[in-house]
Amino acid sequence: MSAKPEITAIPALYDNYIWAIHDGSHAVIVDPGEARPVLAFLKARDLTLKAILCTHRHHDHVDGIAELRGVYNVPVYGRSHPNNPHITRDLREGDRLRLDVLDTVFDIIEIPGHLDDHIAFIAPQMLFCGDVMFGAGCGKNFEGTLAQLHHSLQRLAALPDDTRVYCAHEYTAYNLPFALACEPDNADIQQRIAETRRLRAANLPTVPFTIALEKATNPYLRCTRPELIQTLRAQGLADTSELAVFTALREWRDHF
């Protein structure tokens, strides 16, 4: 069996990460919001592009696809949508995507709540989740319902603790002050703030991170925790059901 492929972050736009899954000869690119840094990466590593994976249709995830396909006529895997003309291979809940060139198989799940067409690519110890889960945060609810977003996050949180999360933005430092406001006494959040400061000071990414770390520090995965609920009660929240807490968190975060 071939060696496990390497995964490299390609910084793009303002705070995006385009992910390259590669083995020394071939590469698969996830969510190319622009083409130029991808083409430079492929050239520098002497890699041949074999496929593109697309988690959802936002421009900062798809705007580089056409140019890349002009150089490499490769398939684009994602959820078909009328406003995403780039998808050539439609993927739906329960599908499996076998990438023989990298000896990798992805399970596909639909994770709406950010956009309706959002999917996740899941393989052992790796998750590509676009804009649904971020470091200590989650995406905004542009389409669908907050109940859908909550359910999508719960599905991701149910993955094995050692799953490494490859989200599409460097938002961890931006999200952690809100997480600390939710649970001021959470030592794991305090430690993550210190580690994030160290990484960013060295110009290193905070992504990937593990599902275990998210469950310890991401408020949207901690809607049943007593300190977090008490914080929201102090702001007047009466309904402490899990969805009500999640809704209150997402609304508070939008104005934090």
C-alpha atoms as a PDB file:
ATOM      1  CA  MET A   1       0.000   0.000   0.000  1.00  0.00           C
ATOM      2  CA  SER A   2       1.249   3.477  -0.810  1.00  0.00           C
ATOM      3  CA  ALA A   3       2.259   5.916   1.905  1.00  0.00           C
ATOM      4  CA  LYS A   4      -0.368   8.132   3.456  1.00  0.00           C
ATOM      5  CA  PRO A   5      -0.685  11.327   1.392  1.00  0.00           C
ATOM      6  CA  GLU A   6       0.582  14.628   2.724  1.00  0.00           C
ATOM      7  CA  ILE A   7      -1.803  17.538   3.267  1.00  0.00           C
ATOM      8  CA  THR A   8      -0.502  21.083   2.807  1.00  0.00           C
ATOM      9  CA  ALA A   9      -2.226  24.421   3.354  1.00  0.00           C
ATOM     10  CA  ILE A  10      -1.951  26.876   0.460  1.00  0.00           C
ATOM     11  CA  PRO A  11      -2.758  30.367   1.808  1.00  0.00           C
ATOM     12  CA  ALA A  12      -5.053  32.327  -0.491  1.00  0.00           C
ATOM     13  CA  LEU A  13      -7.049  35.563  -0.626  1.00  0.00           C
ATOM     14  CA  TYR A  14      -7.208  37.216   2.795  1.00  0.00           C
ATOM     15  CA  ASP A  15      -7.550  34.326   5.244  1.00  0.00           C
ATOM     16  CA  ASN A  16      -8.459  31.261   3.160  1.00  0.00           C
ATOM     17  CA  TYR A  17      -6.704  27.932   3.075  1.00  0.00           C
ATOM     18  CA  ILE A  18      -6.785  25.894  -0.114  1.00  0.00           C
ATOM     19  CA  TRP A  19      -5.856  22.331   0.786  1.00  0.00           C
ATOM     20  CA  ALA A  20      -3.520  20.203  -1.318  1.00  0.00           C
ATOM     21  CA  ILE A  21      -3.582  16.441  -0.776  1.00  0.00           C
ATOM     22  CA  HIS A  22      -0.490  15.033  -2.485  1.00  0.00           C
ATOM     23  CA  ASP A  23       1.907  12.097  -2.634  1.00  0.00           C
ATOM     24  CA  GLY A  24       5.024  13.482  -4.309  1.00  0.00           C
ATOM     25  CA  SER A  25       3.652  13.021  -7.829  1.00  0.00           C
ATOM     26  CA  HIS A  26      -0.061  13.773  -7.849  1.00  0.00           C
ATOM     27  CA  ALA A  27      -2.307  16.260  -6.081  1.00  0.00           C
ATOM     28  CA  VAL A  28      -5.965  16.785  -5.306  1.00  0.00           C
ATOM     29  CA  ILE A  29      -6.991  20.337  -4.418  1.00  0.00           C
ATOM     30  CA  VAL A  30      -9.806  21.293  -2.039  1.00  0.00           C
ATOM     31  CA  ASP A  31     -11.754  24.545  -2.441  1.00  0.00           C
ATOM     32  CA  PRO A  32      -9.506  26.582  -4.752  1.00  0.00           C
ATOM     33  CA  GLY A  33     -10.732  30.134  -4.301  1.00  0.00           C
ATOM     34  CA  GLU A  34      -8.006  31.337  -6.645  1.00  0.00           C
ATOM     35  CA  ALA A  35      -5.773  29.556  -9.131  1.00  0.00           C
ATOM     36  CA  ARG A  36      -2.446  31.372  -8.987  1.00  0.00           C
ATOM     37  CA  PRO A  37      -1.189  30.062  -5.616  1.00  0.00           C
ATOM     38  CA  VAL A  38      -2.297  26.535  -6.550  1.00  0.00           C
ATOM     39  CA  LEU A  39      -0.452  26.643  -9.871  1.00  0.00           C
ATOM     40  CA  ALA A  40       2.653  27.946  -8.099  1.00  0.00           C
ATOM     41  CA  PHE A  41       2.424  25.174  -5.500  1.00  0.00           C
ATOM     42  CA  LEU A  42       2.026  22.453  -8.139  1.00  0.00           C
ATOM     43  CA  LYS A  43       4.982  23.794 -10.119  1.00  0.00           C
ATOM     44  CA  ALA A  44       7.224  24.117  -7.070  1.00  0.00           C
ATOM     45  CA  ARG A  45       6.474  20.545  -5.965  1.00  0.00           C
ATOM     46  CA  ASP A  46       6.434  19.105  -9.519  1.00  0.00           C
ATOM     47  CA  LEU A  47       2.921  17.744  -8.939  1.00  0.00           C
ATOM     48  CA  THR A  48       0.198  16.904 -11.439  1.00  0.00           C
ATOM     49  CA  LEU A  49      -3.339  17.938 -10.514  1.00  0.00           C
ATOM     50  CA  LYS A  50      -5.743  14.991 -10.697  1.00  0.00           C
ATOM     51  CA  ALA A  51      -8.999  16.275  -9.157  1.00  0.00           C
ATOM     52  CA  ILE A  52     -10.689  19.179  -7.385  1.00  0.00           C
ATOM     53  CA  LEU A  53     -12.956  18.796  -4.358  1.00  0.00           C
ATOM     54  CA  CYS A  54     -15.532  21.493  -3.618  1.00  0.00           C
ATOM     55  CA  THR A  55     -17.329  21.767  -0.272  1.00  0.00           C
ATOM     56  CA  HIS A  56     -19.733  24.547  -1.337  1.00  0.00           C
ATOM     57  CA  ARG A  57     -20.275  27.258  -3.920  1.00  0.00           C
ATOM     58  CA  HIS A  58     -19.098  30.473  -2.202  1.00  0.00           C
ATOM     59  CA  HIS A  59     -16.770  32.417  -4.512  1.00  0.00           C
ATOM     60  CA  ASP A  60     -13.755  32.094  -2.220  1.00  0.00           C
ATOM     61  CA  HIS A  61     -14.007  28.322  -2.666  1.00  0.00           C
ATOM     62  CA  VAL A  62     -14.662  28.094  -6.410  1.00  0.00           C
ATOM     63  CA  ASP A  63     -13.228  31.128  -8.202  1.00  0.00           C
ATOM     64  CA  GLY A  64     -10.004  29.363  -9.163  1.00  0.00           C
ATOM     65  CA  ILE A  65     -11.637  26.250 -10.597  1.00  0.00           C
ATOM     66  CA  ALA A  66     -12.129  27.398 -14.184  1.00  0.00           C
ATOM     67  CA  GLU A  67      -8.529  28.538 -14.563  1.00  0.00           C
ATOM     68  CA  LEU A  68      -7.187  25.334 -13.033  1.00  0.00           C
ATOM     69  CA  ARG A  69      -9.321  23.234 -15.356  1.00  0.00           C
ATOM     70  CA  GLY A  70      -8.003  25.253 -18.266  1.00  0.00           C
ATOM     71  CA  VAL A  71      -4.553  23.875 -17.430  1.00  0.00           C
ATOM     72  CA  TYR A  72      -5.559  20.477 -16.033  1.00  0.00           C
ATOM     73  CA  ASN A  73      -8.788  19.054 -17.423  1.00  0.00           C
ATOM     74  CA  VAL A  74      -9.715  17.296 -14.179  1.00  0.00           C
ATOM     75  CA  PRO A  75     -13.034  16.312 -12.584  1.00  0.00           C
ATOM     76  CA  VAL A  76     -14.584  18.562  -9.959  1.00  0.00           C
ATOM     77  CA  TYR A  77     -16.379  16.705  -7.189  1.00  0.00           C
ATOM     78  CA  GLY A  78     -19.085  18.408  -5.115  1.00  0.00           C
ATOM     79  CA  ARG A  79     -22.781  18.925  -4.610  1.00  0.00           C
ATOM     80  CA  SER A  80     -24.472  20.127  -7.795  1.00  0.00           C
ATOM     81  CA  HIS A  81     -26.247  23.467  -7.523  1.00  0.00           C
ATOM     82  CA  PRO A  82     -27.724  25.803 -10.158  1.00  0.00           C
ATOM     83  CA  ASN A  83     -25.331  28.548  -9.018  1.00  0.00           C
ATOM     84  CA  ASN A  84     -22.240  26.367  -9.144  1.00  0.00           C
ATOM     85  CA  PRO A  85     -21.456  25.529 -12.784  1.00  0.00           C
ATOM     86  CA  HIS A  86     -18.079  24.019 -11.925  1.00  0.00           C
ATOM     87  CA  ILE A  87     -19.214  20.659 -10.543  1.00  0.00           C
ATOM     88  CA  THR A  88     -18.687  17.791 -12.981  1.00  0.00           C
ATOM     89  CA  ARG A  89     -19.349  14.882 -10.585  1.00  0.00           C
ATOM     90  CA  ASP A  90     -22.345  15.277  -8.273  1.00  0.00           C
ATOM     91  CA  LEU A  91     -21.955  13.937  -4.722  1.00  0.00           C
ATOM     92  CA  ARG A  92     -24.751  13.332  -2.222  1.00  0.00           C
ATOM     93  CA  GLU A  93     -25.264  12.048   1.309  1.00  0.00           C
ATOM     94  CA  GLY A  94     -23.889   8.536   1.667  1.00  0.00           C
ATOM     95  CA  ASP A  95     -21.736   8.587  -1.461  1.00  0.00           C
ATOM     96  CA  ARG A  96     -18.139   7.368  -1.374  1.00  0.00           C
ATOM     97  CA  LEU A  97     -15.441   9.038  -3.439  1.00  0.00           C
ATOM     98  CA  ARG A  98     -12.500   6.788  -4.247  1.00  0.00           C
ATOM     99  CA  LEU A  99      -9.340   8.614  -5.318  1.00  0.00           C
ATOM    100  CA  ASP A 100      -7.200   5.720  -6.461  1.00  0.00           C
ATOM    101  CA  VAL A 101      -4.328   7.990  -7.422  1.00  0.00           C
ATOM    102  CA  LEU A 102      -3.871   8.872  -3.723  1.00  0.00           C
ATOM    103  CA  ASP A 103      -5.187   5.573  -2.319  1.00  0.00           C
ATOM    104  CA  THR A 104      -7.831   7.524  -0.390  1.00  0.00           C
ATOM    105  CA  VAL A 105     -11.568   7.022  -0.003  1.00  0.00           C
ATOM    106  CA  PHE A 106     -13.837   9.817   1.233  1.00  0.00           C
ATOM    107  CA  ASP A 107     -17.265   9.370   2.748  1.00  0.00           C
ATOM    108  CA  ILE A 108     -19.613  12.187   1.808  1.00  0.00           C
ATOM    109  CA  ILE A 109     -22.130  13.750   4.166  1.00  0.00           C
ATOM    110  CA  GLU A 110     -24.377  16.732   3.557  1.00  0.00           C
ATOM    111  CA  ILE A 111     -23.916  19.475   6.173  1.00  0.00           C
ATOM    112  CA  PRO A 112     -26.380  22.297   5.424  1.00  0.00           C
ATOM    113  CA  GLY A 113     -26.889  25.361   7.580  1.00  0.00           C
ATOM    114  CA  HIS A 114     -24.201  27.588   6.062  1.00  0.00           C
ATOM    115  CA  LEU A 115     -25.246  26.951   2.463  1.00  0.00           C
ATOM    116  CA  ASP A 116     -27.708  24.342   1.251  1.00  0.00           C
ATOM    117  CA  ASP A 117     -25.172  22.667  -1.035  1.00  0.00           C
ATOM    118  CA  HIS A 118     -22.473  22.238   1.620  1.00  0.00           C
ATOM    119  CA  ILE A 119     -20.892  18.804   1.944  1.00  0.00           C
ATOM    120  CA  ALA A 120     -18.000  17.353   3.916  1.00  0.00           C
ATOM    121  CA  PHE A 121     -15.299  14.963   2.717  1.00  0.00           C
ATOM    122  CA  ILE A 122     -14.362  12.461   5.442  1.00  0.00           C
ATOM    123  CA  ALA A 123     -11.560   9.882   5.467  1.00  0.00           C
ATOM    124  CA  PRO A 124      -9.724   8.245   8.382  1.00  0.00           C
ATOM    125  CA  GLN A 125      -8.251  11.017  10.555  1.00  0.00           C
ATOM    126  CA  MET A 126      -9.158  13.771   8.083  1.00  0.00           C
ATOM    127  CA  LEU A 127     -12.174  16.025   7.574  1.00  0.00           C
ATOM    128  CA  PHE A 128     -12.566  18.734   4.959  1.00  0.00           C
ATOM    129  CA  CYS A 129     -15.512  20.791   6.171  1.00  0.00           C
ATOM    130  CA  GLY A 130     -15.277  24.104   4.314  1.00  0.00           C
ATOM    131  CA  ASP A 131     -17.064  26.792   6.290  1.00  0.00           C
ATOM    132  CA  VAL A 132     -19.249  24.796   8.680  1.00  0.00           C
ATOM    133  CA  MET A 133     -16.740  24.246  11.493  1.00  0.00           C
ATOM    134  CA  PHE A 134     -13.867  26.607  12.235  1.00  0.00           C
ATOM    135  CA  GLY A 135     -11.298  26.674  15.001  1.00  0.00           C
ATOM    136  CA  ALA A 136     -13.430  27.489  18.080  1.00  0.00           C
ATOM    137  CA  GLY A 137     -16.296  28.606  15.841  1.00  0.00           C
ATOM    138  CA  CYS A 138     -18.713  27.877  13.033  1.00  0.00           C
ATOM    139  CA  GLY A 139     -19.943  29.424   9.816  1.00  0.00           C
ATOM    140  CA  LYS A 140     -22.763  31.908   9.507  1.00  0.00           C
ATOM    141  CA  ASN A 141     -26.275  30.769   8.656  1.00  0.00           C
ATOM    142  CA  PHE A 142     -26.796  32.099   5.117  1.00  0.00           C
ATOM    143  CA  GLU A 143     -29.239  29.413   3.939  1.00  0.00           C
ATOM    144  CA  GLY A 144     -31.361  26.829   5.673  1.00  0.00           C
ATOM    145  CA  THR A 145     -31.960  26.987   9.405  1.00  0.00           C
ATOM    146  CA  LEU A 146     -29.933  27.235  12.578  1.00  0.00           C
ATOM    147  CA  ALA A 147     -31.348  23.818  13.483  1.00  0.00           C
ATOM    148  CA  GLN A 148     -29.697  22.431  10.355  1.00  0.00           C
ATOM    149  CA  LEU A 149     -26.400  24.112  11.192  1.00  0.00           C
ATOM    150  CA  HIS A 150     -26.547  22.742  14.733  1.00  0.00           C
ATOM    151  CA  HIS A 151     -27.266  19.240  13.427  1.00  0.00           C
ATOM    152  CA  SER A 152     -24.420  19.483  10.919  1.00  0.00           C
ATOM    153  CA  LEU A 153     -21.978  20.463  13.649  1.00  0.00           C
ATOM    154  CA  GLN A 154     -23.189  17.630  15.856  1.00  0.00           C
ATOM    155  CA  ARG A 155     -22.489  15.175  13.044  1.00  0.00           C
ATOM    156  CA  LEU A 156     -18.948  16.483  12.712  1.00  0.00           C
ATOM    157  CA  ALA A 157     -18.434  16.420  16.480  1.00  0.00           C
ATOM    158  CA  ALA A 158     -19.400  12.733  16.477  1.00  0.00           C
ATOM    159  CA  LEU A 159     -16.350  11.837  14.395  1.00  0.00           C
ATOM    160  CA  PRO A 160     -13.416  10.176  16.197  1.00  0.00           C
ATOM    161  CA  ASP A 161     -11.548  12.499  18.546  1.00  0.00           C
ATOM    162  CA  ASP A 162      -8.307  12.180  16.582  1.00  0.00           C
ATOM    163  CA  THR A 163      -9.917  13.348  13.334  1.00  0.00           C
ATOM    164  CA  ARG A 164      -7.956  16.302  11.998  1.00  0.00           C
ATOM    165  CA  VAL A 165     -10.175  19.145  10.816  1.00  0.00           C
ATOM    166  CA  TYR A 166      -9.110  20.972   7.667  1.00  0.00           C
ATOM    167  CA  CYS A 167     -11.414  23.990   7.539  1.00  0.00           C
ATOM    168  CA  ALA A 168     -11.101  26.739   4.952  1.00  0.00           C
ATOM    169  CA  HIS A 169     -10.247  29.860   6.985  1.00  0.00           C
ATOM    170  CA  GLU A 170      -7.718  31.024   9.556  1.00  0.00           C
ATOM    171  CA  TYR A 171     -10.321  32.199  12.050  1.00  0.00           C
ATOM    172  CA  THR A 172      -9.131  30.611  15.300  1.00  0.00           C
ATOM    173  CA  ALA A 173      -7.628  33.730  16.872  1.00  0.00           C
ATOM    174  CA  TYR A 174     -10.721  35.668  15.820  1.00  0.00           C
ATOM    175  CA  ASN A 175     -13.071  33.134  17.436  1.00  0.00           C
ATOM    176  CA  LEU A 176     -11.336  32.420  20.733  1.00  0.00           C
ATOM    177  CA  PRO A 177     -12.234  35.682  22.550  1.00  0.00           C
ATOM    178  CA  PHE A 178     -15.904  34.807  22.072  1.00  0.00           C
ATOM    179  CA  ALA A 179     -15.316  31.262  23.328  1.00  0.00           C
ATOM    180  CA  LEU A 180     -13.642  32.716  26.432  1.00  0.00           C
ATOM    181  CA  ALA A 181     -16.552  35.109  26.984  1.00  0.00           C
ATOM    182  CA  CYS A 182     -18.865  32.094  26.948  1.00  0.00           C
ATOM    183  CA  GLU A 183     -16.755  30.111  29.444  1.00  0.00           C
ATOM    184  CA  PRO A 184     -14.292  32.411  31.242  1.00  0.00           C
ATOM    185  CA  ASP A 185     -13.071  29.608  33.514  1.00  0.00           C
ATOM    186  CA  ASN A 186     -12.427  27.059  30.772  1.00  0.00           C
ATOM    187  CA  ALA A 187      -8.727  26.167  31.095  1.00  0.00           C
ATOM    188  CA  ASP A 188      -8.691  24.462  27.699  1.00  0.00           C
ATOM    189  CA  ILE A 189      -9.799  27.687  26.019  1.00  0.00           C
ATOM    190  CA  GLN A 190      -7.192  29.665  27.928  1.00  0.00           C
ATOM    191  CA  GLN A 191      -4.491  27.215  26.843  1.00  0.00           C
ATOM    192  CA  ARG A 192      -5.678  27.309  23.231  1.00  0.00           C
ATOM    193  CA  ILE A 193      -5.489  31.106  23.229  1.00  0.00           C
ATOM    194  CA  ALA A 194      -1.851  30.931  24.334  1.00  0.00           C
ATOM    195  CA  GLU A 195      -1.022  28.265  21.739  1.00  0.00           C
ATOM    196  CA  THR A 196      -2.793  30.176  18.982  1.00  0.00           C
ATOM    197  CA  ARG A 197      -0.852  33.323  19.816  1.00  0.00           C
ATOM    198  CA  ARG A 198       2.394  31.336  19.621  1.00  0.00           C
ATOM    199  CA  LEU A 199       1.514  29.820  16.252  1.00  0.00           C
ATOM    200  CA  ARG A 200       0.360  33.069  14.668  1.00  0.00           C
ATOM    201  CA  ALA A 201       3.376  34.977  15.987  1.00  0.00           C
ATOM    202  CA  ALA A 202       5.497  32.431  14.104  1.00  0.00           C
ATOM    203  CA  ASN A 203       3.279  32.844  11.023  1.00  0.00           C
ATOM    204  CA  LEU A 204       2.118  29.236  11.364  1.00  0.00           C
ATOM    205  CA  PRO A 205      -1.443  28.006  10.738  1.00  0.00           C
ATOM    206  CA  THR A 206      -3.733  26.963  13.567  1.00  0.00           C
ATOM    207  CA  VAL A 207      -5.382  24.493  11.187  1.00  0.00           C
ATOM    208  CA  PRO A 208      -5.724  21.538  11.231  1.00  0.00           C
ATOM    209  CA  PHE A 209      -6.968  20.876  14.721  1.00  0.00           C
ATOM    210  CA  THR A 210      -8.637  17.830  16.226  1.00  0.00           C
ATOM    211  CA  ILE A 211     -12.258  17.083  16.951  1.00  0.00           C
ATOM    212  CA  ALA A 212     -11.197  16.510  20.574  1.00  0.00           C
ATOM    213  CA  LEU A 213      -9.855  20.064  20.813  1.00  0.00           C
ATOM    214  CA  GLU A 214     -13.059  21.458  19.317  1.00  0.00           C
ATOM    215  CA  LYS A 215     -15.233  19.594  21.778  1.00  0.00           C
ATOM    216  CA  ALA A 216     -13.171  21.098  24.593  1.00  0.00           C
ATOM    217  CA  THR A 217     -13.095  24.690  23.318  1.00  0.00           C
ATOM    218  CA  ASN A 218     -15.735  25.373  20.646  1.00  0.00           C
ATOM    219  CA  PRO A 219     -18.846  26.914  22.252  1.00  0.00           C
ATOM    220  CA  TYR A 220     -21.128  25.651  19.478  1.00  0.00           C
ATOM    221  CA  LEU A 221     -20.242  22.082  20.472  1.00  0.00           C
ATOM    222  CA  ARG A 222     -20.725  22.822  24.183  1.00  0.00           C
ATOM    223  CA  CYS A 223     -24.356  23.900  24.355  1.00  0.00           C
ATOM    224  CA  THR A 224     -25.076  21.668  27.361  1.00  0.00           C
ATOM    225  CA  ARG A 225     -22.169  22.882  29.497  1.00  0.00           C
ATOM    226  CA  PRO A 226     -23.232  24.514  32.782  1.00  0.00           C
ATOM    227  CA  GLU A 227     -20.888  27.526  32.680  1.00  0.00           C
ATOM    228  CA  LEU A 228     -21.890  28.387  29.125  1.00  0.00           C
ATOM    229  CA  ILE A 229     -25.583  28.095  29.971  1.00  0.00           C
ATOM    230  CA  GLN A 230     -25.071  30.260  33.042  1.00  0.00           C
ATOM    231  CA  THR A 231     -23.400  32.929  30.894  1.00  0.00           C
ATOM    232  CA  LEU A 232     -26.430  33.020  28.621  1.00  0.00           C
ATOM    233  CA  ARG A 233     -28.864  32.988  31.548  1.00  0.00           C
ATOM    234  CA  ALA A 234     -27.159  36.116  32.841  1.00  0.00           C
ATOM    235  CA  GLN A 235     -28.029  37.717  29.487  1.00  0.00           C
ATOM    236  CA  GLY A 236     -31.691  36.799  29.884  1.00  0.00           C
ATOM    237  CA  LEU A 237     -31.936  33.437  28.137  1.00  0.00           C
ATOM    238  CA  ALA A 238     -34.849  31.483  29.593  1.00  0.00           C
ATOM    239  CA  ASP A 239     -35.047  28.483  27.265  1.00  0.00           C
ATOM    240  CA  THR A 240     -31.963  26.348  27.898  1.00  0.00           C
ATOM    241  CA  SER A 241     -32.761  23.569  25.449  1.00  0.00           C
ATOM    242  CA  GLU A 242     -29.745  22.701  23.331  1.00  0.00           C
ATOM    243  CA  LEU A 243     -31.066  24.297  20.144  1.00  0.00           C
ATOM    244  CA  ALA A 244     -32.135  27.450  22.001  1.00  0.00           C
ATOM    245  CA  VAL A 245     -28.652  27.746  23.502  1.00  0.00           C
ATOM    246  CA  PHE A 246     -27.060  27.224  20.087  1.00  0.00           C
ATOM    247  CA  THR A 247     -29.357  29.847  18.552  1.00  0.00           C
ATOM    248  CA  ALA A 248     -28.522  32.331  21.304  1.00  0.00           C
ATOM    249  CA  LEU A 249     -24.797  31.707  20.806  1.00  0.00           C
ATOM    250  CA  ARG A 250     -24.940  32.239  17.054  1.00  0.00           C
ATOM    251  CA  GLU A 251     -26.965  35.451  17.465  1.00  0.00           C
ATOM    252  CA  TRP A 252     -24.650  36.747  20.181  1.00  0.00           C
ATOM    253  CA  ARG A 253     -21.611  35.957  18.079  1.00  0.00           C
ATOM    254  CA  ASP A 254     -23.019  37.974  15.169  1.00  0.00           C
ATOM    255  CA  HIS A 255     -22.986  41.071  17.396  1.00  0.00           C
ATOM    256  CA  PHE A 256     -19.975  40.277  19.610  1.00  0.00           C
END
